[in-house]
Amino acid sequence: MLVKEGSIVLPYCGADPVLCKRLEEVGCAAVMPLGAPIGTNQGLKTQDFLRIIIEQSRVPVVVDAGIGAPSHAAQAMEMGADAVLVNTAMAVARDPIQVAQAFKLAVEAGRLGYLAGLGKVSQTAQATSPLAGFLG
């Protein structure tokens, strides 16, 4: 209804891939799935679902809620999120300005890592030295 009336809708929602796809289909300008319960600073507890949402989305994905440390923000950006929304971590910090600077650097580093094409995570050891056969 809001989209049909001309509003730009940026819904905060659970990290549900089906729900996020439906929100996209009805015209939301972005989706904002939670990383963890709001205000908890727990990080990306919904990481597996966030990966699916990011991979399937055709609108910007802004990871919201639960981001309590710069490393959490970097992780979301490394996964390919378009942005993160950070509130509680800065609001409760002893030095909010310094924390904001740390988050800025983390977001930039995470985005650069994503754009660089980080290697895939493997559950088993993999030969990684390209010259191993050459040296033999």
C-alpha atoms as a PDB file:
ATOM      1  CA  MET A   1       0.000   0.000   0.000  1.00  0.00           C
ATOM      2  CA  LEU A   2       2.744   2.495   0.900  1.00  0.00           C
ATOM      3  CA  VAL A   3       4.675   1.724  -2.283  1.00  0.00           C
ATOM      4  CA  LYS A   4       1.514   2.167  -4.372  1.00  0.00           C
ATOM      5  CA  GLU A   5       0.997   5.569  -2.742  1.00  0.00           C
ATOM      6  CA  GLY A   6       4.489   6.632  -3.816  1.00  0.00           C
ATOM      7  CA  SER A   7       6.382   6.101  -0.585  1.00  0.00           C
ATOM      8  CA  ILE A   8       9.930   4.763  -0.602  1.00  0.00           C
ATOM      9  CA  VAL A   9       9.803   1.750   1.698  1.00  0.00           C
ATOM     10  CA  LEU A  10      12.921   0.413   3.444  1.00  0.00           C
ATOM     11  CA  PRO A  11      11.567  -2.390   5.644  1.00  0.00           C
ATOM     12  CA  TYR A  12      13.394  -3.685   8.704  1.00  0.00           C
ATOM     13  CA  CYS A  13      12.615  -7.402   8.822  1.00  0.00           C
ATOM     14  CA  GLY A  14      13.742 -10.796   9.984  1.00  0.00           C
ATOM     15  CA  ALA A  15      16.489 -12.510   8.005  1.00  0.00           C
ATOM     16  CA  ASP A  16      13.973 -14.563   6.034  1.00  0.00           C
ATOM     17  CA  PRO A  17      14.967 -15.025   2.371  1.00  0.00           C
ATOM     18  CA  VAL A  18      11.373 -15.646   1.262  1.00  0.00           C
ATOM     19  CA  LEU A  19      10.074 -12.563   3.060  1.00  0.00           C
ATOM     20  CA  CYS A  20      12.882 -10.403   1.665  1.00  0.00           C
ATOM     21  CA  LYS A  21      12.156 -11.610  -1.873  1.00  0.00           C
ATOM     22  CA  ARG A  22       8.458 -10.832  -1.403  1.00  0.00           C
ATOM     23  CA  LEU A  23       9.255  -7.333  -0.095  1.00  0.00           C
ATOM     24  CA  GLU A  24      11.388  -6.775  -3.177  1.00  0.00           C
ATOM     25  CA  GLU A  25       8.567  -7.991  -5.437  1.00  0.00           C
ATOM     26  CA  VAL A  26       6.043  -5.552  -3.936  1.00  0.00           C
ATOM     27  CA  GLY A  27       8.365  -2.650  -4.667  1.00  0.00           C
ATOM     28  CA  CYS A  28      10.438  -1.990  -1.567  1.00  0.00           C
ATOM     29  CA  ALA A  29      13.514   0.070  -2.415  1.00  0.00           C
ATOM     30  CA  ALA A  30      15.761  -2.058  -0.172  1.00  0.00           C
ATOM     31  CA  VAL A  31      15.494  -4.778   2.455  1.00  0.00           C
ATOM     32  CA  MET A  32      16.968  -4.480   5.939  1.00  0.00           C
ATOM     33  CA  PRO A  33      17.267  -7.954   7.480  1.00  0.00           C
ATOM     34  CA  LEU A  34      18.486  -8.269  11.041  1.00  0.00           C
ATOM     35  CA  GLY A  35      21.894  -9.656  11.902  1.00  0.00           C
ATOM     36  CA  ALA A  36      20.818 -10.526  15.466  1.00  0.00           C
ATOM     37  CA  PRO A  37      18.095  -9.346  17.840  1.00  0.00           C
ATOM     38  CA  ILE A  38      17.987  -5.553  17.950  1.00  0.00           C
ATOM     39  CA  GLY A  39      20.162  -3.916  20.581  1.00  0.00           C
ATOM     40  CA  THR A  40      22.078  -7.096  21.455  1.00  0.00           C
ATOM     41  CA  ASN A  41      25.453  -6.366  19.796  1.00  0.00           C
ATOM     42  CA  GLN A  42      25.720 -10.133  19.106  1.00  0.00           C
ATOM     43  CA  GLY A  43      26.968  -9.855  15.533  1.00  0.00           C
ATOM     44  CA  LEU A  44      25.715 -11.809  12.539  1.00  0.00           C
ATOM     45  CA  LYS A  45      23.760 -14.641  14.162  1.00  0.00           C
ATOM     46  CA  THR A  46      21.697 -14.937  10.956  1.00  0.00           C
ATOM     47  CA  GLN A  47      24.738 -15.208   8.678  1.00  0.00           C
ATOM     48  CA  ASP A  48      23.555 -18.201   6.636  1.00  0.00           C
ATOM     49  CA  PHE A  49      20.231 -16.516   5.867  1.00  0.00           C
ATOM     50  CA  LEU A  50      21.926 -13.196   5.120  1.00  0.00           C
ATOM     51  CA  ARG A  51      24.114 -14.895   2.502  1.00  0.00           C
ATOM     52  CA  ILE A  52      21.038 -16.210   0.705  1.00  0.00           C
ATOM     53  CA  ILE A  53      19.285 -12.832   0.879  1.00  0.00           C
ATOM     54  CA  ILE A  54      22.347 -11.007  -0.468  1.00  0.00           C
ATOM     55  CA  GLU A  55      22.852 -13.523  -3.290  1.00  0.00           C
ATOM     56  CA  GLN A  56      19.205 -13.414  -4.409  1.00  0.00           C
ATOM     57  CA  SER A  57      18.327  -9.761  -3.906  1.00  0.00           C
ATOM     58  CA  ARG A  58      17.953  -7.303  -6.753  1.00  0.00           C
ATOM     59  CA  VAL A  59      17.546  -4.371  -4.358  1.00  0.00           C
ATOM     60  CA  PRO A  60      20.098  -3.088  -1.846  1.00  0.00           C
ATOM     61  CA  VAL A  61      20.527  -5.184   1.300  1.00  0.00           C
ATOM     62  CA  VAL A  62      21.229  -3.190   4.463  1.00  0.00           C
ATOM     63  CA  VAL A  63      22.121  -5.447   7.399  1.00  0.00           C
ATOM     64  CA  ASP A  64      20.498  -3.961  10.483  1.00  0.00           C
ATOM     65  CA  ALA A  65      20.400  -4.865  14.190  1.00  0.00           C
ATOM     66  CA  GLY A  66      22.884  -6.780  16.288  1.00  0.00           C
ATOM     67  CA  ILE A  67      25.992  -5.192  14.791  1.00  0.00           C
ATOM     68  CA  GLY A  68      27.997  -4.461  17.912  1.00  0.00           C
ATOM     69  CA  ALA A  69      31.606  -4.328  16.734  1.00  0.00           C
ATOM     70  CA  PRO A  70      33.413  -3.038  13.669  1.00  0.00           C
ATOM     71  CA  SER A  71      34.342  -6.627  12.813  1.00  0.00           C
ATOM     72  CA  HIS A  72      30.629  -7.464  12.509  1.00  0.00           C
ATOM     73  CA  ALA A  73      30.187  -4.641   9.999  1.00  0.00           C
ATOM     74  CA  ALA A  74      33.248  -5.776   8.039  1.00  0.00           C
ATOM     75  CA  GLN A  75      31.877  -9.316   7.943  1.00  0.00           C
ATOM     76  CA  ALA A  76      28.528  -8.136   6.537  1.00  0.00           C
ATOM     77  CA  MET A  77      30.278  -6.089   3.871  1.00  0.00           C
ATOM     78  CA  GLU A  78      32.613  -8.989   2.980  1.00  0.00           C
ATOM     79  CA  MET A  79      29.484 -11.068   2.345  1.00  0.00           C
ATOM     80  CA  GLY A  80      28.306  -8.508  -0.201  1.00  0.00           C
ATOM     81  CA  ALA A  81      25.839  -6.436   1.809  1.00  0.00           C
ATOM     82  CA  ASP A  82      25.301  -3.001   0.319  1.00  0.00           C
ATOM     83  CA  ALA A  83      25.401  -1.288   3.706  1.00  0.00           C
ATOM     84  CA  VAL A  84      25.009  -1.778   7.440  1.00  0.00           C
ATOM     85  CA  LEU A  85      22.960   0.215   9.911  1.00  0.00           C
ATOM     86  CA  VAL A  86      24.690   0.655  13.257  1.00  0.00           C
ATOM     87  CA  ASN A  87      22.976   2.295  16.218  1.00  0.00           C
ATOM     88  CA  THR A  88      23.339   0.674  19.638  1.00  0.00           C
ATOM     89  CA  ALA A  89      27.086   0.036  19.304  1.00  0.00           C
ATOM     90  CA  MET A  90      27.712   3.739  18.844  1.00  0.00           C
ATOM     91  CA  ALA A  91      25.046   4.931  21.259  1.00  0.00           C
ATOM     92  CA  VAL A  92      26.480   2.963  24.190  1.00  0.00           C
ATOM     93  CA  ALA A  93      30.183   3.365  23.388  1.00  0.00           C
ATOM     94  CA  ARG A  94      32.440   5.218  25.788  1.00  0.00           C
ATOM     95  CA  ASP A  95      33.741   7.238  22.808  1.00  0.00           C
ATOM     96  CA  PRO A  96      31.055   7.264  20.082  1.00  0.00           C
ATOM     97  CA  ILE A  97      33.147   9.340  17.686  1.00  0.00           C
ATOM     98  CA  GLN A  98      36.072   6.934  17.841  1.00  0.00           C
ATOM     99  CA  VAL A  99      33.729   3.957  17.461  1.00  0.00           C
ATOM    100  CA  ALA A 100      32.133   5.603  14.424  1.00  0.00           C
ATOM    101  CA  GLN A 101      35.590   6.028  12.888  1.00  0.00           C
ATOM    102  CA  ALA A 102      36.352   2.360  13.561  1.00  0.00           C
ATOM    103  CA  PHE A 103      33.087   1.317  11.894  1.00  0.00           C
ATOM    104  CA  LYS A 104      33.869   3.513   8.885  1.00  0.00           C
ATOM    105  CA  LEU A 105      37.231   1.808   8.409  1.00  0.00           C
ATOM    106  CA  ALA A 106      35.692  -1.646   8.912  1.00  0.00           C
ATOM    107  CA  VAL A 107      32.961  -1.015   6.343  1.00  0.00           C
ATOM    108  CA  GLU A 108      35.513   0.229   3.821  1.00  0.00           C
ATOM    109  CA  ALA A 109      37.792  -2.768   4.439  1.00  0.00           C
ATOM    110  CA  GLY A 110      34.912  -5.235   4.201  1.00  0.00           C
ATOM    111  CA  ARG A 111      33.676  -3.732   0.943  1.00  0.00           C
ATOM    112  CA  LEU A 112      37.186  -3.782  -0.551  1.00  0.00           C
ATOM    113  CA  GLY A 113      37.544  -7.420   0.471  1.00  0.00           C
ATOM    114  CA  TYR A 114      34.249  -8.278  -1.222  1.00  0.00           C
ATOM    115  CA  LEU A 115      35.190  -6.422  -4.405  1.00  0.00           C
ATOM    116  CA  ALA A 116      38.610  -8.127  -4.421  1.00  0.00           C
ATOM    117  CA  GLY A 117      36.925 -11.532  -4.563  1.00  0.00           C
ATOM    118  CA  LEU A 118      37.962 -13.197  -1.323  1.00  0.00           C
ATOM    119  CA  GLY A 119      38.697 -16.922  -1.499  1.00  0.00           C
ATOM    120  CA  LYS A 120      35.969 -19.397  -0.630  1.00  0.00           C
ATOM    121  CA  VAL A 121      35.924 -20.973   2.822  1.00  0.00           C
ATOM    122  CA  SER A 122      36.727 -24.690   2.755  1.00  0.00           C
ATOM    123  CA  GLN A 123      36.191 -27.328   5.424  1.00  0.00           C
ATOM    124  CA  THR A 124      39.246 -29.286   4.254  1.00  0.00           C
ATOM    125  CA  ALA A 125      42.870 -28.380   3.570  1.00  0.00           C
ATOM    126  CA  GLN A 126      43.601 -27.214   0.019  1.00  0.00           C
ATOM    127  CA  ALA A 127      46.928 -26.849  -1.789  1.00  0.00           C
ATOM    128  CA  THR A 128      47.356 -23.113  -2.292  1.00  0.00           C
ATOM    129  CA  SER A 129      50.937 -22.652  -3.445  1.00  0.00           C
ATOM    130  CA  PRO A 130      50.744 -22.214  -7.225  1.00  0.00           C
ATOM    131  CA  LEU A 131      54.430 -23.061  -7.629  1.00  0.00           C
ATOM    132  CA  ALA A 132      54.298 -26.316  -5.627  1.00  0.00           C
ATOM    133  CA  GLY A 133      54.526 -28.505  -8.744  1.00  0.00           C
ATOM    134  CA  PHE A 134      57.163 -26.256 -10.295  1.00  0.00           C
ATOM    135  CA  LEU A 135      59.487 -26.533  -7.306  1.00  0.00           C
ATOM    136  CA  GLY A 136      59.174 -30.322  -7.072  1.00  0.00           C
END
